[in-house]
Amino acid sequence: GPRVVTGAVNFADVAERINAAVVNIDATSKNTRERRRGDEADPGRD
């Protein structure tokens, strides 16, 4: 049935295993452009 997790959850172990696969992304553009949506933009600002 649904996945069952036994015992106490230890996210320290989870983070230690996966952290190396998480990356930071820097995106740069030459032209003025307003982002359509997302949490990095100030909507409506040029």
PDB file of all heavy atoms in Angstrom:
ATOM      1  N   GLY A   1       0.838  -1.179   0.000  1.00  0.00           N
ATOM      2  CA  GLY A   1       0.000   0.000   0.000  1.00  0.00           C
ATOM      3  C   GLY A   1       0.874   1.229   0.000  1.00  0.00           C
ATOM      4  O   GLY A   1       1.933   1.257  -0.616  1.00  0.00           O
ATOM      5  N   PRO A   2       0.454   2.290   0.699  1.00  0.00           N
ATOM      6  CA  PRO A   2       1.292   3.482   0.773  1.00  0.00           C
ATOM      7  C   PRO A   2       2.630   3.168   1.425  1.00  0.00           C
ATOM      8  O   PRO A   2       2.743   2.299   2.278  1.00  0.00           O
ATOM      9  CB  PRO A   2       0.451   4.443   1.645  1.00  0.00           C
ATOM     10  CG  PRO A   2      -0.953   3.941   1.528  1.00  0.00           C
ATOM     11  CD  PRO A   2      -0.838   2.461   1.379  1.00  0.00           C
ATOM     12  N   ARG A   3       3.654   3.882   1.013  1.00  0.00           N
ATOM     13  CA  ARG A   3       4.988   3.685   1.566  1.00  0.00           C
ATOM     14  C   ARG A   3       4.979   3.987   3.056  1.00  0.00           C
ATOM     15  O   ARG A   3       4.446   4.980   3.512  1.00  0.00           O
ATOM     16  CB  ARG A   3       5.983   4.598   0.839  1.00  0.00           C
ATOM     17  CG  ARG A   3       7.392   4.448   1.299  1.00  0.00           C
ATOM     18  CD  ARG A   3       8.290   5.333   0.449  1.00  0.00           C
ATOM     19  NE  ARG A   3       7.729   6.674   0.317  1.00  0.00           N
ATOM     20  CZ  ARG A   3       7.831   7.598   1.267  1.00  0.00           C
ATOM     21  NH1 ARG A   3       8.444   7.327   2.389  1.00  0.00           N
ATOM     22  NH2 ARG A   3       7.302   8.794   1.095  1.00  0.00           N
ATOM     23  N   VAL A   4       5.567   3.085   3.837  1.00  0.00           N
ATOM     24  CA  VAL A   4       5.608   3.236   5.294  1.00  0.00           C
ATOM     25  C   VAL A   4       7.045   3.456   5.726  1.00  0.00           C
ATOM     26  O   VAL A   4       7.941   2.717   5.323  1.00  0.00           O
ATOM     27  CB  VAL A   4       5.027   1.987   5.995  1.00  0.00           C
ATOM     28  CG1 VAL A   4       5.143   2.145   7.497  1.00  0.00           C
ATOM     29  CG2 VAL A   4       3.578   1.782   5.572  1.00  0.00           C
ATOM     30  N   VAL A   5       7.274   4.487   6.529  1.00  0.00           N
ATOM     31  CA  VAL A   5       8.612   4.752   7.060  1.00  0.00           C
ATOM     32  C   VAL A   5       8.625   4.362   8.522  1.00  0.00           C
ATOM     33  O   VAL A   5       7.806   4.840   9.308  1.00  0.00           O
ATOM     34  CB  VAL A   5       8.969   6.247   6.899  1.00  0.00           C
ATOM     35  CG1 VAL A   5      10.320   6.520   7.536  1.00  0.00           C
ATOM     36  CG2 VAL A   5       8.988   6.622   5.429  1.00  0.00           C
ATOM     37  N   THR A   6       9.538   3.450   8.866  1.00  0.00           N
ATOM     38  CA  THR A   6       9.591   2.955  10.232  1.00  0.00           C
ATOM     39  C   THR A   6      10.653   3.704  11.012  1.00  0.00           C
ATOM     40  O   THR A   6      11.655   4.154  10.460  1.00  0.00           O
ATOM     41  CB  THR A   6       9.912   1.455  10.241  1.00  0.00           C
ATOM     42  OG1 THR A   6      11.172   1.248   9.601  1.00  0.00           O
ATOM     43  CG2 THR A   6       8.850   0.661   9.484  1.00  0.00           C
ATOM     44  N   GLY A   7      10.452   3.804  12.297  1.00  0.00           N
ATOM     45  CA  GLY A   7      11.444   4.447  13.149  1.00  0.00           C
ATOM     46  C   GLY A   7      11.421   5.952  13.029  1.00  0.00           C
ATOM     47  O   GLY A   7      10.633   6.545  12.317  1.00  0.00           O
ATOM     48  N   ALA A   8      12.322   6.592  13.761  1.00  0.00           N
ATOM     49  CA  ALA A   8      12.413   8.044  13.736  1.00  0.00           C
ATOM     50  C   ALA A   8      13.064   8.508  12.435  1.00  0.00           C
ATOM     51  O   ALA A   8      13.954   7.854  11.900  1.00  0.00           O
ATOM     52  CB  ALA A   8      13.232   8.530  14.933  1.00  0.00           C
ATOM     53  N   VAL A   9      12.591   9.621  11.926  1.00  0.00           N
ATOM     54  CA  VAL A   9      13.139  10.171  10.682  1.00  0.00           C
ATOM     55  C   VAL A   9      14.408  10.955  11.008  1.00  0.00           C
ATOM     56  O   VAL A   9      14.392  11.848  11.843  1.00  0.00           O
ATOM     57  CB  VAL A   9      12.100  11.082   9.996  1.00  0.00           C
ATOM     58  CG1 VAL A   9      12.697  11.684   8.733  1.00  0.00           C
ATOM     59  CG2 VAL A   9      10.840  10.298   9.680  1.00  0.00           C
ATOM     60  N   ASN A  10      15.491  10.632  10.329  1.00  0.00           N
ATOM     61  CA  ASN A  10      16.760  11.308  10.558  1.00  0.00           C
ATOM     62  C   ASN A  10      17.159  12.020   9.263  1.00  0.00           C
ATOM     63  O   ASN A  10      17.783  11.421   8.380  1.00  0.00           O
ATOM     64  CB  ASN A  10      17.833  10.304  10.978  1.00  0.00           C
ATOM     65  CG  ASN A  10      19.109  10.994  11.421  1.00  0.00           C
ATOM     66  OD1 ASN A  10      19.311  12.186  11.158  1.00  0.00           O
ATOM     67  ND2 ASN A  10      19.972  10.256  12.099  1.00  0.00           N
ATOM     68  N   PHE A  11      16.778  13.293   9.144  1.00  0.00           N
ATOM     69  CA  PHE A  11      17.082  14.027   7.930  1.00  0.00           C
ATOM     70  C   PHE A  11      18.552  14.441   7.862  1.00  0.00           C
ATOM     71  O   PHE A  11      19.007  14.891   6.815  1.00  0.00           O
ATOM     72  CB  PHE A  11      16.172  15.246   7.807  1.00  0.00           C
ATOM     73  CG  PHE A  11      14.819  14.902   7.249  1.00  0.00           C
ATOM     74  CD1 PHE A  11      13.686  15.012   8.033  1.00  0.00           C
ATOM     75  CD2 PHE A  11      14.684  14.450   5.947  1.00  0.00           C
ATOM     76  CE1 PHE A  11      12.447  14.685   7.521  1.00  0.00           C
ATOM     77  CE2 PHE A  11      13.449  14.121   5.423  1.00  0.00           C
ATOM     78  CZ  PHE A  11      12.328  14.230   6.210  1.00  0.00           C
ATOM     79  N   ALA A  12      19.275  14.281   8.943  1.00  0.00           N
ATOM     80  CA  ALA A  12      20.716  14.537   8.878  1.00  0.00           C
ATOM     81  C   ALA A  12      21.368  13.522   7.945  1.00  0.00           C
ATOM     82  O   ALA A  12      22.229  13.872   7.124  1.00  0.00           O
ATOM     83  CB  ALA A  12      21.331  14.464  10.274  1.00  0.00           C
ATOM     84  N   ASP A  13      20.946  12.261   8.048  1.00  0.00           N
ATOM     85  CA  ASP A  13      21.473  11.233   7.151  1.00  0.00           C
ATOM     86  C   ASP A  13      21.010  11.474   5.721  1.00  0.00           C
ATOM     87  O   ASP A  13      21.772  11.288   4.769  1.00  0.00           O
ATOM     88  CB  ASP A  13      21.018   9.846   7.622  1.00  0.00           C
ATOM     89  CG  ASP A  13      21.650   9.443   8.942  1.00  0.00           C
ATOM     90  OD1 ASP A  13      22.701  10.023   9.290  1.00  0.00           O
ATOM     91  OD2 ASP A  13      21.089   8.572   9.628  1.00  0.00           O
ATOM     92  N   VAL A  14      19.736  11.880   5.564  1.00  0.00           N
ATOM     93  CA  VAL A  14      19.193  12.139   4.232  1.00  0.00           C
ATOM     94  C   VAL A  14      19.966  13.263   3.555  1.00  0.00           C
ATOM     95  O   VAL A  14      20.389  13.150   2.400  1.00  0.00           O
ATOM     96  CB  VAL A  14      17.696  12.495   4.320  1.00  0.00           C
ATOM     97  CG1 VAL A  14      17.176  12.997   2.973  1.00  0.00           C
ATOM     98  CG2 VAL A  14      16.881  11.287   4.783  1.00  0.00           C
ATOM     99  N   ALA A  15      20.162  14.358   4.268  1.00  0.00           N
ATOM    100  CA  ALA A  15      20.871  15.506   3.701  1.00  0.00           C
ATOM    101  C   ALA A  15      22.306  15.153   3.355  1.00  0.00           C
ATOM    102  O   ALA A  15      22.842  15.582   2.332  1.00  0.00           O
ATOM    103  CB  ALA A  15      20.832  16.679   4.678  1.00  0.00           C
ATOM    104  N   GLU A  16      22.934  14.337   4.198  1.00  0.00           N
ATOM    105  CA  GLU A  16      24.323  13.960   3.959  1.00  0.00           C
ATOM    106  C   GLU A  16      24.458  13.151   2.668  1.00  0.00           C
ATOM    107  O   GLU A  16      25.427  13.291   1.928  1.00  0.00           O
ATOM    108  CB  GLU A  16      24.851  13.153   5.147  1.00  0.00           C
ATOM    109  CG  GLU A  16      26.332  12.839   5.058  1.00  0.00           C
ATOM    110  CD  GLU A  16      26.845  12.128   6.308  1.00  0.00           C
ATOM    111  OE1 GLU A  16      26.026  11.844   7.198  1.00  0.00           O
ATOM    112  OE2 GLU A  16      28.056  11.867   6.386  1.00  0.00           O
ATOM    113  N   ARG A  17      23.448  12.309   2.383  1.00  0.00           N
ATOM    114  CA  ARG A  17      23.515  11.474   1.192  1.00  0.00           C
ATOM    115  C   ARG A  17      23.219  12.259  -0.088  1.00  0.00           C
ATOM    116  O   ARG A  17      23.808  11.997  -1.134  1.00  0.00           O
ATOM    117  CB  ARG A  17      22.512  10.311   1.311  1.00  0.00           C
ATOM    118  CG  ARG A  17      22.871   9.266   2.344  1.00  0.00           C
ATOM    119  CD  ARG A  17      22.092   7.980   2.109  1.00  0.00           C
ATOM    120  NE  ARG A  17      20.655   8.190   2.094  1.00  0.00           N
ATOM    121  CZ  ARG A  17      19.861   8.102   3.158  1.00  0.00           C
ATOM    122  NH1 ARG A  17      20.413   7.833   4.332  1.00  0.00           N
ATOM    123  NH2 ARG A  17      18.569   8.291   3.062  1.00  0.00           N
ATOM    124  N   ILE A  18      22.289  13.223  -0.024  1.00  0.00           N
ATOM    125  CA  ILE A  18      21.806  13.866  -1.245  1.00  0.00           C
ATOM    126  C   ILE A  18      22.460  15.219  -1.507  1.00  0.00           C
ATOM    127  O   ILE A  18      22.476  15.702  -2.639  1.00  0.00           O
ATOM    128  CB  ILE A  18      20.265  14.017  -1.175  1.00  0.00           C
ATOM    129  CG1 ILE A  18      19.633  12.631  -1.160  1.00  0.00           C
ATOM    130  CG2 ILE A  18      19.720  14.834  -2.335  1.00  0.00           C
ATOM    131  CD1 ILE A  18      18.131  12.655  -1.203  1.00  0.00           C
ATOM    132  N   ASN A  19      23.010  15.842  -0.510  1.00  0.00           N
ATOM    133  CA  ASN A  19      23.518  17.205  -0.641  1.00  0.00           C
ATOM    134  C   ASN A  19      24.489  17.378  -1.805  1.00  0.00           C
ATOM    135  O   ASN A  19      24.508  18.413  -2.480  1.00  0.00           O
ATOM    136  CB  ASN A  19      24.190  17.639   0.663  1.00  0.00           C
ATOM    137  CG  ASN A  19      24.171  19.138   0.835  1.00  0.00           C
ATOM    138  OD1 ASN A  19      23.308  19.833   0.314  1.00  0.00           O
ATOM    139  ND2 ASN A  19      25.154  19.647   1.560  1.00  0.00           N
ATOM    140  N   ALA A  20      25.278  16.356  -2.054  1.00  0.00           N
ATOM    141  CA  ALA A  20      26.282  16.471  -3.118  1.00  0.00           C
ATOM    142  C   ALA A  20      25.641  16.588  -4.496  1.00  0.00           C
ATOM    143  O   ALA A  20      26.260  17.104  -5.435  1.00  0.00           O
ATOM    144  CB  ALA A  20      27.216  15.263  -3.081  1.00  0.00           C
ATOM    145  N   ALA A  21      24.408  16.104  -4.639  1.00  0.00           N
ATOM    146  CA  ALA A  21      23.734  16.141  -5.934  1.00  0.00           C
ATOM    147  C   ALA A  21      22.925  17.422  -6.137  1.00  0.00           C
ATOM    148  O   ALA A  21      22.386  17.646  -7.223  1.00  0.00           O
ATOM    149  CB  ALA A  21      22.811  14.928  -6.075  1.00  0.00           C
ATOM    150  N   VAL A  22      22.826  18.257  -5.107  1.00  0.00           N
ATOM    151  CA  VAL A  22      22.095  19.527  -5.210  1.00  0.00           C
ATOM    152  C   VAL A  22      23.053  20.606  -5.687  1.00  0.00           C
ATOM    153  O   VAL A  22      24.183  20.709  -5.192  1.00  0.00           O
ATOM    154  CB  VAL A  22      21.472  19.913  -3.853  1.00  0.00           C
ATOM    155  CG1 VAL A  22      20.717  21.229  -3.971  1.00  0.00           C
ATOM    156  CG2 VAL A  22      20.534  18.806  -3.361  1.00  0.00           C
ATOM    157  N   VAL A  23      22.609  21.408  -6.649  1.00  0.00           N
ATOM    158  CA  VAL A  23      23.499  22.410  -7.247  1.00  0.00           C
ATOM    159  C   VAL A  23      22.891  23.800  -7.143  1.00  0.00           C
ATOM    160  O   VAL A  23      21.678  23.964  -6.978  1.00  0.00           O
ATOM    161  CB  VAL A  23      23.779  22.085  -8.728  1.00  0.00           C
ATOM    162  CG1 VAL A  23      24.447  20.729  -8.862  1.00  0.00           C
ATOM    163  CG2 VAL A  23      22.496  22.135  -9.558  1.00  0.00           C
ATOM    164  N   ASN A  24      23.761  24.794  -7.237  1.00  0.00           N
ATOM    165  CA  ASN A  24      23.343  26.188  -7.333  1.00  0.00           C
ATOM    166  C   ASN A  24      23.362  26.585  -8.805  1.00  0.00           C
ATOM    167  O   ASN A  24      24.269  26.219  -9.550  1.00  0.00           O
ATOM    168  CB  ASN A  24      24.283  27.090  -6.539  1.00  0.00           C
ATOM    169  CG  ASN A  24      23.887  28.539  -6.645  1.00  0.00           C
ATOM    170  OD1 ASN A  24      22.796  28.920  -6.262  1.00  0.00           O
ATOM    171  ND2 ASN A  24      24.769  29.364  -7.184  1.00  0.00           N
ATOM    172  N   ILE A  25      22.331  27.320  -9.241  1.00  0.00           N
ATOM    173  CA  ILE A  25      22.223  27.720 -10.642  1.00  0.00           C
ATOM    174  C   ILE A  25      22.207  29.239 -10.726  1.00  0.00           C
ATOM    175  O   ILE A  25      21.368  29.897 -10.107  1.00  0.00           O
ATOM    176  CB  ILE A  25      20.949  27.143 -11.286  1.00  0.00           C
ATOM    177  CG1 ILE A  25      21.005  25.610 -11.291  1.00  0.00           C
ATOM    178  CG2 ILE A  25      20.783  27.671 -12.713  1.00  0.00           C
ATOM    179  CD1 ILE A  25      19.749  24.959 -11.825  1.00  0.00           C
ATOM    180  N   ASP A  26      23.158  29.788 -11.502  1.00  0.00           N
ATOM    181  CA  ASP A  26      23.187  31.219 -11.784  1.00  0.00           C
ATOM    182  C   ASP A  26      22.829  31.415 -13.248  1.00  0.00           C
ATOM    183  O   ASP A  26      23.450  30.811 -14.136  1.00  0.00           O
ATOM    184  CB  ASP A  26      24.573  31.801 -11.512  1.00  0.00           C
ATOM    185  CG  ASP A  26      24.885  31.844 -10.021  1.00  0.00           C
ATOM    186  OD1 ASP A  26      24.080  32.417  -9.278  1.00  0.00           O
ATOM    187  OD2 ASP A  26      25.924  31.293  -9.617  1.00  0.00           O
ATOM    188  N   ALA A  27      21.829  32.247 -13.499  1.00  0.00           N
ATOM    189  CA  ALA A  27      21.360  32.496 -14.865  1.00  0.00           C
ATOM    190  C   ALA A  27      21.500  33.978 -15.173  1.00  0.00           C
ATOM    191  O   ALA A  27      20.982  34.826 -14.438  1.00  0.00           O
ATOM    192  CB  ALA A  27      19.908  32.061 -15.016  1.00  0.00           C
ATOM    193  N   THR A  28      22.198  34.292 -16.264  1.00  0.00           N
ATOM    194  CA  THR A  28      22.441  35.680 -16.643  1.00  0.00           C
ATOM    195  C   THR A  28      21.971  35.906 -18.075  1.00  0.00           C
ATOM    196  O   THR A  28      22.189  35.067 -18.949  1.00  0.00           O
ATOM    197  CB  THR A  28      23.936  36.020 -16.555  1.00  0.00           C
ATOM    198  OG1 THR A  28      24.411  35.687 -15.249  1.00  0.00           O
ATOM    199  CG2 THR A  28      24.169  37.499 -16.817  1.00  0.00           C
ATOM    200  N   SER A  29      21.312  37.043 -18.304  1.00  0.00           N
ATOM    201  CA  SER A  29      20.881  37.389 -19.656  1.00  0.00           C
ATOM    202  C   SER A  29      21.401  38.776 -20.009  1.00  0.00           C
ATOM    203  O   SER A  29      21.611  39.625 -19.147  1.00  0.00           O
ATOM    204  CB  SER A  29      19.353  37.367 -19.757  1.00  0.00           C
ATOM    205  OG  SER A  29      18.791  38.385 -18.960  1.00  0.00           O
ATOM    206  N   LYS A  30      21.604  39.010 -21.309  1.00  0.00           N
ATOM    207  CA  LYS A  30      22.126  40.285 -21.780  1.00  0.00           C
ATOM    208  C   LYS A  30      21.031  41.336 -21.873  1.00  0.00           C
ATOM    209  O   LYS A  30      21.280  42.525 -21.655  1.00  0.00           O
ATOM    210  CB  LYS A  30      22.750  40.111 -23.161  1.00  0.00           C
ATOM    211  CG  LYS A  30      23.888  39.119 -23.215  1.00  0.00           C
ATOM    212  CD  LYS A  30      24.361  38.934 -24.645  1.00  0.00           C
ATOM    213  CE  LYS A  30      25.463  37.893 -24.737  1.00  0.00           C
ATOM    214  NZ  LYS A  30      25.881  37.668 -26.145  1.00  0.00           N
ATOM    215  N   ASN A  31      19.833  40.907 -22.232  1.00  0.00           N
ATOM    216  CA  ASN A  31      18.763  41.851 -22.549  1.00  0.00           C
ATOM    217  C   ASN A  31      17.844  42.088 -21.370  1.00  0.00           C
ATOM    218  O   ASN A  31      17.703  41.260 -20.476  1.00  0.00           O
ATOM    219  CB  ASN A  31      17.936  41.331 -23.730  1.00  0.00           C
ATOM    220  CG  ASN A  31      18.789  41.084 -24.948  1.00  0.00           C
ATOM    221  OD1 ASN A  31      19.716  41.843 -25.229  1.00  0.00           O
ATOM    222  ND2 ASN A  31      18.482  40.015 -25.679  1.00  0.00           N
ATOM    223  N   THR A  32      17.181  43.257 -21.402  1.00  0.00           N
ATOM    224  CA  THR A  32      16.169  43.573 -20.404  1.00  0.00           C
ATOM    225  C   THR A  32      14.963  42.690 -20.643  1.00  0.00           C
ATOM    226  O   THR A  32      14.423  42.637 -21.732  1.00  0.00           O
ATOM    227  CB  THR A  32      15.736  45.044 -20.499  1.00  0.00           C
ATOM    228  OG1 THR A  32      16.881  45.847 -20.286  1.00  0.00           O
ATOM    229  CG2 THR A  32      14.667  45.367 -19.489  1.00  0.00           C
ATOM    230  N   ARG A  33      14.559  41.987 -19.627  1.00  0.00           N
ATOM    231  CA  ARG A  33      13.394  41.126 -19.771  1.00  0.00           C
ATOM    232  C   ARG A  33      12.767  40.902 -18.412  1.00  0.00           C
ATOM    233  O   ARG A  33      13.455  40.740 -17.416  1.00  0.00           O
ATOM    234  CB  ARG A  33      13.792  39.790 -20.390  1.00  0.00           C
ATOM    235  CG  ARG A  33      12.598  38.876 -20.644  1.00  0.00           C
ATOM    236  CD  ARG A  33      13.037  37.648 -21.427  1.00  0.00           C
ATOM    237  NE  ARG A  33      11.909  36.756 -21.641  1.00  0.00           N
ATOM    238  CZ  ARG A  33      12.002  35.611 -22.299  1.00  0.00           C
ATOM    239  NH1 ARG A  33      13.146  35.251 -22.834  1.00  0.00           N
ATOM    240  NH2 ARG A  33      10.956  34.844 -22.448  1.00  0.00           N
ATOM    241  N   GLU A  34      11.479  40.875 -18.399  1.00  0.00           N
ATOM    242  CA  GLU A  34      10.775  40.661 -17.141  1.00  0.00           C
ATOM    243  C   GLU A  34      10.411  39.199 -17.023  1.00  0.00           C
ATOM    244  O   GLU A  34       9.928  38.585 -17.964  1.00  0.00           O
ATOM    245  CB  GLU A  34       9.491  41.486 -17.130  1.00  0.00           C
ATOM    246  CG  GLU A  34       8.621  41.241 -15.905  1.00  0.00           C
ATOM    247  CD  GLU A  34       7.268  41.886 -16.055  1.00  0.00           C
ATOM    248  OE1 GLU A  34       7.143  42.801 -16.870  1.00  0.00           O
ATOM    249  OE2 GLU A  34       6.334  41.459 -15.358  1.00  0.00           O
ATOM    250  N   ARG A  35      10.691  38.609 -15.882  1.00  0.00           N
ATOM    251  CA  ARG A  35      10.332  37.207 -15.693  1.00  0.00           C
ATOM    252  C   ARG A  35       8.806  37.068 -15.669  1.00  0.00           C
ATOM    253  O   ARG A  35       8.102  37.907 -15.142  1.00  0.00           O
ATOM    254  CB  ARG A  35      10.898  36.672 -14.376  1.00  0.00           C
ATOM    255  CG  ARG A  35      12.411  36.502 -14.420  1.00  0.00           C
ATOM    256  CD  ARG A  35      12.861  35.782 -13.161  1.00  0.00           C
ATOM    257  NE  ARG A  35      14.299  35.696 -13.079  1.00  0.00           N
ATOM    258  CZ  ARG A  35      15.009  34.720 -13.618  1.00  0.00           C
ATOM    259  NH1 ARG A  35      14.398  33.793 -14.302  1.00  0.00           N
ATOM    260  NH2 ARG A  35      16.317  34.703 -13.493  1.00  0.00           N
ATOM    261  N   ARG A  36       8.319  35.932 -16.222  1.00  0.00           N
ATOM    262  CA  ARG A  36       6.882  35.725 -16.304  1.00  0.00           C
ATOM    263  C   ARG A  36       6.281  35.299 -14.976  1.00  0.00           C
ATOM    264  O   ARG A  36       5.172  35.622 -14.657  1.00  0.00           O
ATOM    265  CB  ARG A  36       6.567  34.666 -17.373  1.00  0.00           C
ATOM    266  CG  ARG A  36       6.828  35.175 -18.779  1.00  0.00           C
ATOM    267  CD  ARG A  36       6.557  34.111 -19.819  1.00  0.00           C
ATOM    268  NE  ARG A  36       7.551  33.040 -19.739  1.00  0.00           N
ATOM    269  CZ  ARG A  36       7.321  31.872 -19.183  1.00  0.00           C
ATOM    270  NH1 ARG A  36       6.153  31.636 -18.641  1.00  0.00           N
ATOM    271  NH2 ARG A  36       8.242  30.937 -19.145  1.00  0.00           N
ATOM    272  N   ARG A  37       6.992  34.508 -14.227  1.00  0.00           N
ATOM    273  CA  ARG A  37       6.514  34.103 -12.917  1.00  0.00           C
ATOM    274  C   ARG A  37       7.678  33.524 -12.150  1.00  0.00           C
ATOM    275  O   ARG A  37       8.733  33.237 -12.701  1.00  0.00           O
ATOM    276  CB  ARG A  37       5.377  33.079 -13.021  1.00  0.00           C
ATOM    277  CG  ARG A  37       5.837  31.707 -13.497  1.00  0.00           C
ATOM    278  CD  ARG A  37       4.699  30.723 -13.395  1.00  0.00           C
ATOM    279  NE  ARG A  37       5.110  29.432 -13.888  1.00  0.00           N
ATOM    280  CZ  ARG A  37       4.327  28.371 -13.878  1.00  0.00           C
ATOM    281  NH1 ARG A  37       3.104  28.458 -13.414  1.00  0.00           N
ATOM    282  NH2 ARG A  37       4.757  27.208 -14.330  1.00  0.00           N
ATOM    283  N   GLY A  38       7.497  33.318 -10.875  1.00  0.00           N
ATOM    284  CA  GLY A  38       8.567  32.701 -10.090  1.00  0.00           C
ATOM    285  C   GLY A  38       8.907  33.536  -8.883  1.00  0.00           C
ATOM    286  O   GLY A  38       8.463  34.661  -8.737  1.00  0.00           O
ATOM    287  N   ASP A  39       9.747  32.982  -8.025  1.00  0.00           N
ATOM    288  CA  ASP A  39      10.041  33.661  -6.777  1.00  0.00           C
ATOM    289  C   ASP A  39      11.322  34.472  -6.834  1.00  0.00           C
ATOM    290  O   ASP A  39      11.746  34.991  -5.821  1.00  0.00           O
ATOM    291  CB  ASP A  39      10.105  32.634  -5.623  1.00  0.00           C
ATOM    292  CG  ASP A  39      11.159  31.584  -5.888  1.00  0.00           C
ATOM    293  OD1 ASP A  39      11.909  31.702  -6.866  1.00  0.00           O
ATOM    294  OD2 ASP A  39      11.207  30.640  -5.090  1.00  0.00           O
ATOM    295  N   GLU A  40      11.940  34.622  -8.037  1.00  0.00           N
ATOM    296  CA  GLU A  40      13.126  35.452  -8.135  1.00  0.00           C
ATOM    297  C   GLU A  40      12.835  36.814  -8.759  1.00  0.00           C
ATOM    298  O   GLU A  40      13.721  37.632  -8.902  1.00  0.00           O
ATOM    299  CB  GLU A  40      14.179  34.750  -9.005  1.00  0.00           C
ATOM    300  CG  GLU A  40      15.051  33.811  -8.208  1.00  0.00           C
ATOM    301  CD  GLU A  40      14.272  32.570  -7.816  1.00  0.00           C
ATOM    302  OE1 GLU A  40      13.783  31.851  -8.664  1.00  0.00           O
ATOM    303  OE2 GLU A  40      14.147  32.353  -6.602  1.00  0.00           O
ATOM    304  N   ALA A  41      11.611  37.054  -9.204  1.00  0.00           N
ATOM    305  CA  ALA A  41      11.312  38.283  -9.935  1.00  0.00           C
ATOM    306  C   ALA A  41      10.434  39.217  -9.115  1.00  0.00           C
ATOM    307  O   ALA A  41       9.760  38.810  -8.195  1.00  0.00           O
ATOM    308  CB  ALA A  41      10.619  37.956 -11.247  1.00  0.00           C
ATOM    309  N   ASP A  42      10.491  40.482  -9.494  1.00  0.00           N
ATOM    310  CA  ASP A  42       9.594  41.475  -8.931  1.00  0.00           C
ATOM    311  C   ASP A  42       8.535  41.738  -9.999  1.00  0.00           C
ATOM    312  O   ASP A  42       8.780  42.473 -10.943  1.00  0.00           O
ATOM    313  CB  ASP A  42      10.365  42.757  -8.614  1.00  0.00           C
ATOM    314  CG  ASP A  42       9.469  43.820  -8.003  1.00  0.00           C
ATOM    315  OD1 ASP A  42       8.310  43.493  -7.701  1.00  0.00           O
ATOM    316  OD2 ASP A  42       9.935  44.961  -7.845  1.00  0.00           O
ATOM    317  N   PRO A  43       7.352  41.097  -9.890  1.00  0.00           N
ATOM    318  CA  PRO A  43       6.366  41.181 -10.981  1.00  0.00           C
ATOM    319  C   PRO A  43       6.012  42.608 -11.327  1.00  0.00           C
ATOM    320  O   PRO A  43       5.787  43.453 -10.460  1.00  0.00           O
ATOM    321  CB  PRO A  43       5.172  40.427 -10.407  1.00  0.00           C
ATOM    322  CG  PRO A  43       5.759  39.519  -9.388  1.00  0.00           C
ATOM    323  CD  PRO A  43       6.911  40.264  -8.809  1.00  0.00           C
ATOM    324  N   GLY A  44       5.956  42.849 -12.620  1.00  0.00           N
ATOM    325  CA  GLY A  44       5.525  44.151 -13.103  1.00  0.00           C
ATOM    326  C   GLY A  44       6.639  45.168 -13.196  1.00  0.00           C
ATOM    327  O   GLY A  44       6.445  46.279 -13.665  1.00  0.00           O
ATOM    328  N   ARG A  45       7.854  44.825 -12.787  1.00  0.00           N
ATOM    329  CA  ARG A  45       8.950  45.780 -12.815  1.00  0.00           C
ATOM    330  C   ARG A  45       9.798  45.562 -14.058  1.00  0.00           C
ATOM    331  O   ARG A  45      10.065  44.436 -14.464  1.00  0.00           O
ATOM    332  CB  ARG A  45       9.815  45.593 -11.562  1.00  0.00           C
ATOM    333  CG  ARG A  45      11.000  46.551 -11.522  1.00  0.00           C
ATOM    334  CD  ARG A  45      11.812  46.345 -10.260  1.00  0.00           C
ATOM    335  NE  ARG A  45      13.009  47.153 -10.251  1.00  0.00           N
ATOM    336  CZ  ARG A  45      13.917  47.095  -9.286  1.00  0.00           C
ATOM    337  NH1 ARG A  45      13.746  46.287  -8.266  1.00  0.00           N
ATOM    338  NH2 ARG A  45      14.978  47.863  -9.332  1.00  0.00           N
ATOM    339  N   ASP A  46      10.237  46.646 -14.682  1.00  0.00           N
ATOM    340  CA  ASP A  46      11.070  46.573 -15.873  1.00  0.00           C
ATOM    341  C   ASP A  46      12.524  46.674 -15.449  1.00  0.00           C
ATOM    342  O   ASP A  46      12.926  47.639 -14.803  1.00  0.00           O
ATOM    343  CB  ASP A  46      10.704  47.716 -16.832  1.00  0.00           C
ATOM    344  CG  ASP A  46      11.396  47.558 -18.174  1.00  0.00           C
ATOM    345  OD1 ASP A  46      11.758  46.425 -18.506  1.00  0.00           O
ATOM    346  OD2 ASP A  46      11.547  48.583 -18.874  1.00  0.00           O
TER     347      ASP A  46
END
